[in-house]
Structures are given as C-alpha cells and as structure tokens.
N, C-alpha and C. Protein backbone atom coordinates (compact mmCIF):
# COMPACT_ATOMS: atom_id res chain seq x y z
N MET A 1 -39.21 12.52 -10.97
CA MET A 1 -38.26 13.57 -11.29
C MET A 1 -37.03 13.42 -10.40
N GLU A 2 -35.87 13.39 -11.01
CA GLU A 2 -34.63 13.21 -10.27
C GLU A 2 -34.12 14.54 -9.74
N ASN A 3 -33.57 14.50 -8.52
CA ASN A 3 -32.92 15.70 -7.99
C ASN A 3 -31.42 15.60 -8.27
N SER A 4 -30.70 16.65 -7.92
CA SER A 4 -29.26 16.68 -8.23
C SER A 4 -28.49 15.59 -7.51
N SER A 5 -28.94 15.22 -6.32
CA SER A 5 -28.27 14.16 -5.57
C SER A 5 -28.40 12.82 -6.30
N GLN A 6 -29.60 12.55 -6.83
CA GLN A 6 -29.82 11.31 -7.57
C GLN A 6 -28.97 11.26 -8.85
N VAL A 7 -28.90 12.38 -9.53
CA VAL A 7 -28.08 12.46 -10.75
C VAL A 7 -26.61 12.22 -10.40
N SER A 8 -26.17 12.81 -9.29
CA SER A 8 -24.76 12.69 -8.89
C SER A 8 -24.40 11.27 -8.48
N ILE A 9 -25.28 10.61 -7.73
CA ILE A 9 -24.97 9.24 -7.31
C ILE A 9 -25.01 8.29 -8.51
N THR A 10 -25.89 8.58 -9.46
CA THR A 10 -25.94 7.79 -10.70
C THR A 10 -24.64 7.98 -11.48
N ARG A 11 -24.14 9.20 -11.52
CA ARG A 11 -22.88 9.48 -12.20
C ARG A 11 -21.72 8.76 -11.51
N ALA A 12 -21.73 8.72 -10.18
CA ALA A 12 -20.69 8.01 -9.44
C ALA A 12 -20.71 6.52 -9.78
N CYS A 13 -21.91 5.96 -9.89
CA CYS A 13 -22.03 4.54 -10.26
C CYS A 13 -21.46 4.31 -11.66
N SER A 14 -21.74 5.22 -12.57
CA SER A 14 -21.24 5.09 -13.94
C SER A 14 -19.71 5.13 -13.97
N ILE A 15 -19.14 6.03 -13.18
CA ILE A 15 -17.68 6.17 -13.14
C ILE A 15 -17.03 4.89 -12.61
N LEU A 16 -17.64 4.30 -11.60
CA LEU A 16 -17.04 3.14 -10.93
C LEU A 16 -17.44 1.80 -11.54
N GLY A 17 -18.42 1.81 -12.45
CA GLY A 17 -18.80 0.55 -13.09
C GLY A 17 -20.07 -0.07 -12.59
N GLY A 18 -20.92 0.69 -11.94
CA GLY A 18 -22.22 0.17 -11.52
C GLY A 18 -22.48 0.31 -10.04
N GLN A 19 -23.74 0.00 -9.68
CA GLN A 19 -24.16 0.12 -8.28
C GLN A 19 -23.41 -0.84 -7.37
N ALA A 20 -23.20 -2.06 -7.85
CA ALA A 20 -22.50 -3.06 -7.03
C ALA A 20 -21.05 -2.64 -6.78
N ALA A 21 -20.42 -2.05 -7.77
CA ALA A 21 -19.04 -1.59 -7.61
C ALA A 21 -18.95 -0.48 -6.57
N LEU A 22 -19.86 0.48 -6.65
CA LEU A 22 -19.88 1.57 -5.66
C LEU A 22 -20.18 1.02 -4.28
N ALA A 23 -21.16 0.12 -4.20
CA ALA A 23 -21.52 -0.47 -2.91
C ALA A 23 -20.32 -1.20 -2.29
N GLY A 24 -19.59 -1.94 -3.11
CA GLY A 24 -18.42 -2.66 -2.61
C GLY A 24 -17.35 -1.74 -2.09
N ARG A 25 -17.12 -0.64 -2.77
CA ARG A 25 -16.09 0.32 -2.34
C ARG A 25 -16.49 1.01 -1.03
N LEU A 26 -17.81 1.18 -0.82
CA LEU A 26 -18.28 1.87 0.39
C LEU A 26 -18.59 0.92 1.54
N GLY A 27 -18.66 -0.37 1.25
CA GLY A 27 -19.01 -1.34 2.29
C GLY A 27 -20.49 -1.32 2.63
N VAL A 28 -21.32 -1.01 1.65
CA VAL A 28 -22.77 -1.02 1.84
C VAL A 28 -23.36 -2.01 0.84
N THR A 29 -24.65 -2.27 0.95
CA THR A 29 -25.30 -3.19 0.02
C THR A 29 -25.67 -2.46 -1.27
N PRO A 30 -25.75 -3.19 -2.38
CA PRO A 30 -26.23 -2.58 -3.61
C PRO A 30 -27.65 -2.02 -3.47
N ALA A 31 -28.44 -2.63 -2.59
CA ALA A 31 -29.80 -2.14 -2.36
C ALA A 31 -29.77 -0.73 -1.76
N ALA A 32 -28.81 -0.47 -0.89
CA ALA A 32 -28.69 0.87 -0.29
C ALA A 32 -28.37 1.89 -1.38
N VAL A 33 -27.44 1.56 -2.26
CA VAL A 33 -27.09 2.47 -3.36
C VAL A 33 -28.30 2.69 -4.24
N ASN A 34 -29.07 1.64 -4.50
CA ASN A 34 -30.28 1.76 -5.33
C ASN A 34 -31.29 2.70 -4.68
N GLN A 35 -31.41 2.66 -3.36
CA GLN A 35 -32.33 3.56 -2.66
C GLN A 35 -31.87 5.01 -2.78
N TRP A 36 -30.57 5.24 -2.78
CA TRP A 36 -30.05 6.60 -2.98
C TRP A 36 -30.38 7.08 -4.38
N ILE A 37 -30.21 6.20 -5.37
CA ILE A 37 -30.48 6.58 -6.76
C ILE A 37 -31.95 6.90 -6.96
N LYS A 38 -32.83 6.12 -6.34
CA LYS A 38 -34.27 6.33 -6.49
C LYS A 38 -34.77 7.49 -5.63
N GLY A 39 -33.93 8.02 -4.76
CA GLY A 39 -34.34 9.12 -3.89
C GLY A 39 -35.15 8.68 -2.69
N LEU A 40 -35.12 7.38 -2.39
CA LEU A 40 -35.86 6.88 -1.23
C LEU A 40 -35.15 7.22 0.08
N ARG A 41 -33.84 7.32 0.01
CA ARG A 41 -33.02 7.69 1.17
C ARG A 41 -31.91 8.61 0.69
N PRO A 42 -31.51 9.56 1.53
CA PRO A 42 -30.37 10.41 1.14
C PRO A 42 -29.06 9.64 1.31
N VAL A 43 -28.05 10.07 0.59
CA VAL A 43 -26.72 9.49 0.77
C VAL A 43 -26.23 9.91 2.15
N PRO A 44 -25.85 8.97 3.03
CA PRO A 44 -25.35 9.35 4.35
C PRO A 44 -24.09 10.22 4.24
N SER A 45 -24.01 11.21 5.09
CA SER A 45 -22.88 12.15 5.03
C SER A 45 -21.54 11.45 5.20
N LYS A 46 -21.50 10.35 5.95
CA LYS A 46 -20.22 9.67 6.17
C LYS A 46 -19.67 9.05 4.89
N HIS A 47 -20.51 8.81 3.88
CA HIS A 47 -20.06 8.21 2.63
C HIS A 47 -19.67 9.24 1.57
N CYS A 48 -20.12 10.46 1.72
CA CYS A 48 -19.88 11.48 0.69
C CYS A 48 -18.39 11.73 0.43
N PRO A 49 -17.56 11.95 1.45
CA PRO A 49 -16.13 12.17 1.17
C PRO A 49 -15.47 10.99 0.46
N LYS A 50 -15.86 9.79 0.80
CA LYS A 50 -15.29 8.60 0.15
C LYS A 50 -15.71 8.57 -1.32
N ILE A 51 -16.99 8.89 -1.61
CA ILE A 51 -17.46 8.91 -2.99
C ILE A 51 -16.69 9.97 -3.78
N GLU A 52 -16.51 11.14 -3.18
CA GLU A 52 -15.74 12.19 -3.85
C GLU A 52 -14.32 11.71 -4.14
N ASP A 53 -13.74 11.02 -3.17
CA ASP A 53 -12.36 10.54 -3.33
C ASP A 53 -12.26 9.48 -4.42
N ILE A 54 -13.13 8.48 -4.39
CA ILE A 54 -13.00 7.38 -5.35
C ILE A 54 -13.44 7.75 -6.76
N THR A 55 -14.16 8.86 -6.90
CA THR A 55 -14.51 9.33 -8.24
C THR A 55 -13.51 10.37 -8.73
N GLY A 56 -12.47 10.59 -7.97
CA GLY A 56 -11.45 11.55 -8.37
C GLY A 56 -11.94 12.98 -8.35
N GLY A 57 -12.94 13.26 -7.52
CA GLY A 57 -13.49 14.62 -7.41
C GLY A 57 -14.55 14.93 -8.46
N SER A 58 -14.88 13.97 -9.31
CA SER A 58 -15.91 14.21 -10.33
C SER A 58 -17.29 14.38 -9.71
N VAL A 59 -17.52 13.70 -8.60
CA VAL A 59 -18.79 13.82 -7.87
C VAL A 59 -18.44 14.39 -6.50
N ARG A 60 -18.88 15.59 -6.23
CA ARG A 60 -18.51 16.29 -4.99
C ARG A 60 -19.55 16.07 -3.90
N CYS A 61 -19.10 16.20 -2.68
CA CYS A 61 -19.98 16.04 -1.52
C CYS A 61 -21.18 16.98 -1.59
N GLU A 62 -20.93 18.20 -2.04
CA GLU A 62 -22.00 19.20 -2.11
C GLU A 62 -23.11 18.78 -3.05
N GLU A 63 -22.78 18.00 -4.07
CA GLU A 63 -23.79 17.50 -5.01
C GLU A 63 -24.59 16.35 -4.39
N LEU A 64 -23.91 15.52 -3.62
CA LEU A 64 -24.54 14.34 -3.05
C LEU A 64 -25.48 14.68 -1.90
N LEU A 65 -25.09 15.64 -1.08
CA LEU A 65 -25.88 16.01 0.09
C LEU A 65 -25.79 17.52 0.28
N PRO A 66 -26.56 18.28 -0.52
CA PRO A 66 -26.46 19.74 -0.47
C PRO A 66 -26.87 20.36 0.86
N SER A 67 -27.66 19.64 1.66
CA SER A 67 -28.14 20.20 2.93
C SER A 67 -27.07 20.21 4.01
N PHE A 68 -25.97 19.49 3.81
CA PHE A 68 -24.90 19.41 4.81
C PHE A 68 -23.92 20.56 4.59
N ASN A 69 -23.36 21.09 5.68
CA ASN A 69 -22.40 22.20 5.59
C ASN A 69 -21.00 21.65 5.33
N TRP A 70 -20.69 21.39 4.07
CA TRP A 70 -19.39 20.84 3.70
C TRP A 70 -18.28 21.88 3.80
N GLU A 71 -18.63 23.14 3.69
CA GLU A 71 -17.62 24.20 3.73
C GLU A 71 -16.87 24.22 5.06
N SER A 72 -17.58 23.93 6.15
CA SER A 72 -16.91 23.94 7.46
C SER A 72 -15.86 22.83 7.54
N LEU A 73 -16.10 21.70 6.88
CA LEU A 73 -15.11 20.63 6.88
C LEU A 73 -13.96 20.92 5.93
N ARG A 74 -14.26 21.54 4.81
CA ARG A 74 -13.21 21.84 3.83
C ARG A 74 -12.29 22.94 4.34
N ALA A 75 -12.80 23.83 5.18
CA ALA A 75 -11.99 24.94 5.69
C ALA A 75 -11.01 24.47 6.76
N ARG A 76 -11.26 23.33 7.37
CA ARG A 76 -10.41 22.81 8.44
C ARG A 76 -9.12 22.25 7.85
N PRO A 77 -7.95 22.68 8.35
CA PRO A 77 -6.69 22.13 7.81
C PRO A 77 -6.55 20.66 8.20
N PRO A 78 -5.90 19.87 7.36
CA PRO A 78 -5.72 18.46 7.70
C PRO A 78 -4.79 18.31 8.90
N MET A 79 -5.03 17.26 9.67
CA MET A 79 -4.19 17.00 10.83
C MET A 79 -2.88 16.36 10.38
N ASP A 80 -1.79 16.80 10.98
CA ASP A 80 -0.51 16.17 10.69
C ASP A 80 0.09 15.64 11.99
N ALA A 81 1.26 15.11 11.91
CA ALA A 81 1.88 14.47 13.07
C ALA A 81 2.08 15.42 14.23
N THR A 82 2.25 16.72 13.96
CA THR A 82 2.49 17.66 15.05
C THR A 82 1.21 18.03 15.78
N HIS A 83 0.04 17.71 15.21
CA HIS A 83 -1.23 18.05 15.84
C HIS A 83 -1.99 16.84 16.34
N ARG A 84 -1.40 15.67 16.23
CA ARG A 84 -2.09 14.47 16.69
C ARG A 84 -2.09 14.43 18.21
N ALA A 85 -3.07 13.72 18.77
CA ALA A 85 -3.14 13.58 20.22
C ALA A 85 -1.98 12.75 20.74
N THR A 86 -1.56 11.79 19.97
CA THR A 86 -0.41 10.98 20.36
C THR A 86 0.63 11.08 19.27
N GLY A 87 1.80 11.49 19.63
CA GLY A 87 2.87 11.64 18.65
C GLY A 87 3.58 10.32 18.43
N PRO A 88 4.54 10.34 17.55
CA PRO A 88 5.30 9.12 17.29
C PRO A 88 6.16 8.75 18.50
N VAL A 89 6.55 7.51 18.56
CA VAL A 89 7.41 7.03 19.64
C VAL A 89 8.77 7.69 19.50
N PRO A 90 9.31 8.26 20.59
CA PRO A 90 10.61 8.92 20.48
C PRO A 90 11.72 7.93 20.14
N ALA A 91 12.72 8.42 19.48
CA ALA A 91 13.87 7.59 19.10
C ALA A 91 14.66 7.19 20.34
N PRO A 92 15.35 6.05 20.31
CA PRO A 92 16.19 5.67 21.45
C PRO A 92 17.20 6.77 21.75
N GLY A 93 17.40 7.02 23.03
CA GLY A 93 18.31 8.07 23.44
C GLY A 93 17.60 9.40 23.62
N HIS A 94 16.35 9.48 23.23
CA HIS A 94 15.57 10.70 23.40
C HIS A 94 15.36 10.94 24.89
N ALA A 95 15.23 12.18 25.28
CA ALA A 95 15.11 12.51 26.70
C ALA A 95 13.79 12.07 27.31
N GLY A 96 12.81 11.73 26.48
CA GLY A 96 11.51 11.30 26.99
C GLY A 96 11.57 9.93 27.63
N ARG A 97 10.45 9.46 28.10
CA ARG A 97 10.37 8.16 28.77
C ARG A 97 10.79 7.06 27.82
N GLN A 98 11.67 6.19 28.29
CA GLN A 98 12.18 5.08 27.50
C GLN A 98 11.83 3.77 28.19
N PRO A 99 11.59 2.73 27.42
CA PRO A 99 11.35 1.43 28.05
C PRO A 99 12.63 0.93 28.69
N PRO A 100 12.51 0.20 29.79
CA PRO A 100 13.72 -0.30 30.45
C PRO A 100 14.38 -1.39 29.63
N THR A 101 15.68 -1.46 29.72
CA THR A 101 16.39 -2.56 29.09
C THR A 101 16.41 -3.72 30.07
N THR A 102 16.56 -4.92 29.58
CA THR A 102 16.51 -6.08 30.47
C THR A 102 17.68 -6.11 31.44
N ASN A 103 18.83 -5.57 31.07
CA ASN A 103 19.98 -5.60 31.97
C ASN A 103 19.97 -4.44 32.96
N ARG A 104 19.12 -3.46 32.78
CA ARG A 104 19.06 -2.31 33.70
C ARG A 104 17.63 -2.13 34.22
N MET A 105 16.96 -3.24 34.53
CA MET A 105 15.56 -3.19 34.94
C MET A 105 15.35 -2.33 36.18
N LEU A 106 16.31 -2.34 37.11
CA LEU A 106 16.14 -1.57 38.34
C LEU A 106 16.29 -0.06 38.11
N ASP A 107 16.70 0.33 36.90
CA ASP A 107 16.77 1.76 36.61
C ASP A 107 15.39 2.41 36.70
N THR A 108 14.36 1.63 36.52
CA THR A 108 13.00 2.19 36.55
C THR A 108 12.43 2.27 37.95
N VAL A 109 13.11 1.66 38.93
CA VAL A 109 12.63 1.66 40.30
C VAL A 109 13.33 2.77 41.07
N PRO A 110 12.57 3.70 41.67
CA PRO A 110 13.22 4.75 42.46
C PRO A 110 14.01 4.15 43.63
N ASP A 111 15.10 4.81 44.00
CA ASP A 111 15.96 4.31 45.08
C ASP A 111 15.17 4.06 46.36
N ARG A 112 14.24 4.92 46.66
CA ARG A 112 13.50 4.77 47.91
C ARG A 112 12.57 3.56 47.90
N ALA A 113 12.27 3.01 46.71
CA ALA A 113 11.37 1.87 46.61
C ALA A 113 12.10 0.54 46.71
N ALA A 114 13.40 0.55 46.53
CA ALA A 114 14.18 -0.70 46.55
C ALA A 114 14.61 -0.99 47.98
N VAL A 115 13.69 -1.44 48.77
CA VAL A 115 13.95 -1.71 50.18
C VAL A 115 14.77 -2.99 50.30
N GLY A 116 15.83 -2.93 51.07
CA GLY A 116 16.64 -4.11 51.32
C GLY A 116 17.66 -4.40 50.25
N LEU A 117 17.76 -3.55 49.23
CA LEU A 117 18.76 -3.76 48.19
C LEU A 117 19.85 -2.71 48.34
N ASP A 118 21.06 -3.13 48.14
CA ASP A 118 22.17 -2.18 48.15
C ASP A 118 22.32 -1.67 46.72
N MET A 119 21.76 -0.52 46.42
CA MET A 119 21.73 0.03 45.07
C MET A 119 23.13 0.38 44.58
N ARG A 120 24.08 0.59 45.51
CA ARG A 120 25.44 0.90 45.09
C ARG A 120 26.13 -0.32 44.51
N ALA A 121 25.68 -1.51 44.87
CA ALA A 121 26.32 -2.74 44.41
C ALA A 121 25.87 -3.12 43.00
N ILE A 122 24.80 -2.53 42.53
CA ILE A 122 24.28 -2.85 41.19
C ILE A 122 24.91 -1.89 40.19
N PRO A 123 25.55 -2.44 39.12
CA PRO A 123 26.24 -1.56 38.15
C PRO A 123 25.28 -0.70 37.38
C-alpha cells in the first residue's frame, strides 16, 4: 500500500521524465529515488525544496515529508542583500575600507609605523 509520500515522489518522477531524470537533477542515484518510491526510505528533507522547485510546485514539500515542520521555513522571509552577513564590496570612493593603490601604498601605513621615513617628502 502506497502512502502519500510515495505517490508524490512517483508524480515528481512522471513530471520530470522518470526516476533517472529526478535523480540527476538532485545529484542522487536512481536507486535512492527507487527506495523513496517503494517506501524503503523517506525522502530526505534537504531534497524536498528542490523537488518542489523543479516540479513547478506541483509536488510540495508537505506531501513528500509530512512529518517535517515546513511551515516554519515557509514563514521565514527570504534573505536579501541587506540581511546578509557580508554585504557587497563598496564602490570606489566609498568611505569604507578601500584597497591601497600601488602609487599610494604608504597611505595604509600609520605615520607612527613608518620609522626612518620622512612622510612629508612622500606626495
């Protein structure tokens, strides 16, 4: 007797053109997909969003793995550039840290660190 997860993964295979096609898109073996279809193993949660995406939403994560709390992930807003841990590189002339130019290399060295150099003589 097939459960809803088995029916859903079978439907995903049909949409994509077979078990091998789905396996190729997910980077898994066709044998793994076959085990999901037979109910020998559950579809890993890391593959569910990709399956939903490549089937155009026809097969949803909730159908593939009903025991997982998908609502908590769906409620989270997507990350954009303003919320990333590292933002984009600032444009030249920006007040932030800039890489030194080859002709002004000593600009990066504090005056107190340039021992023995006459900093006034350097343009």
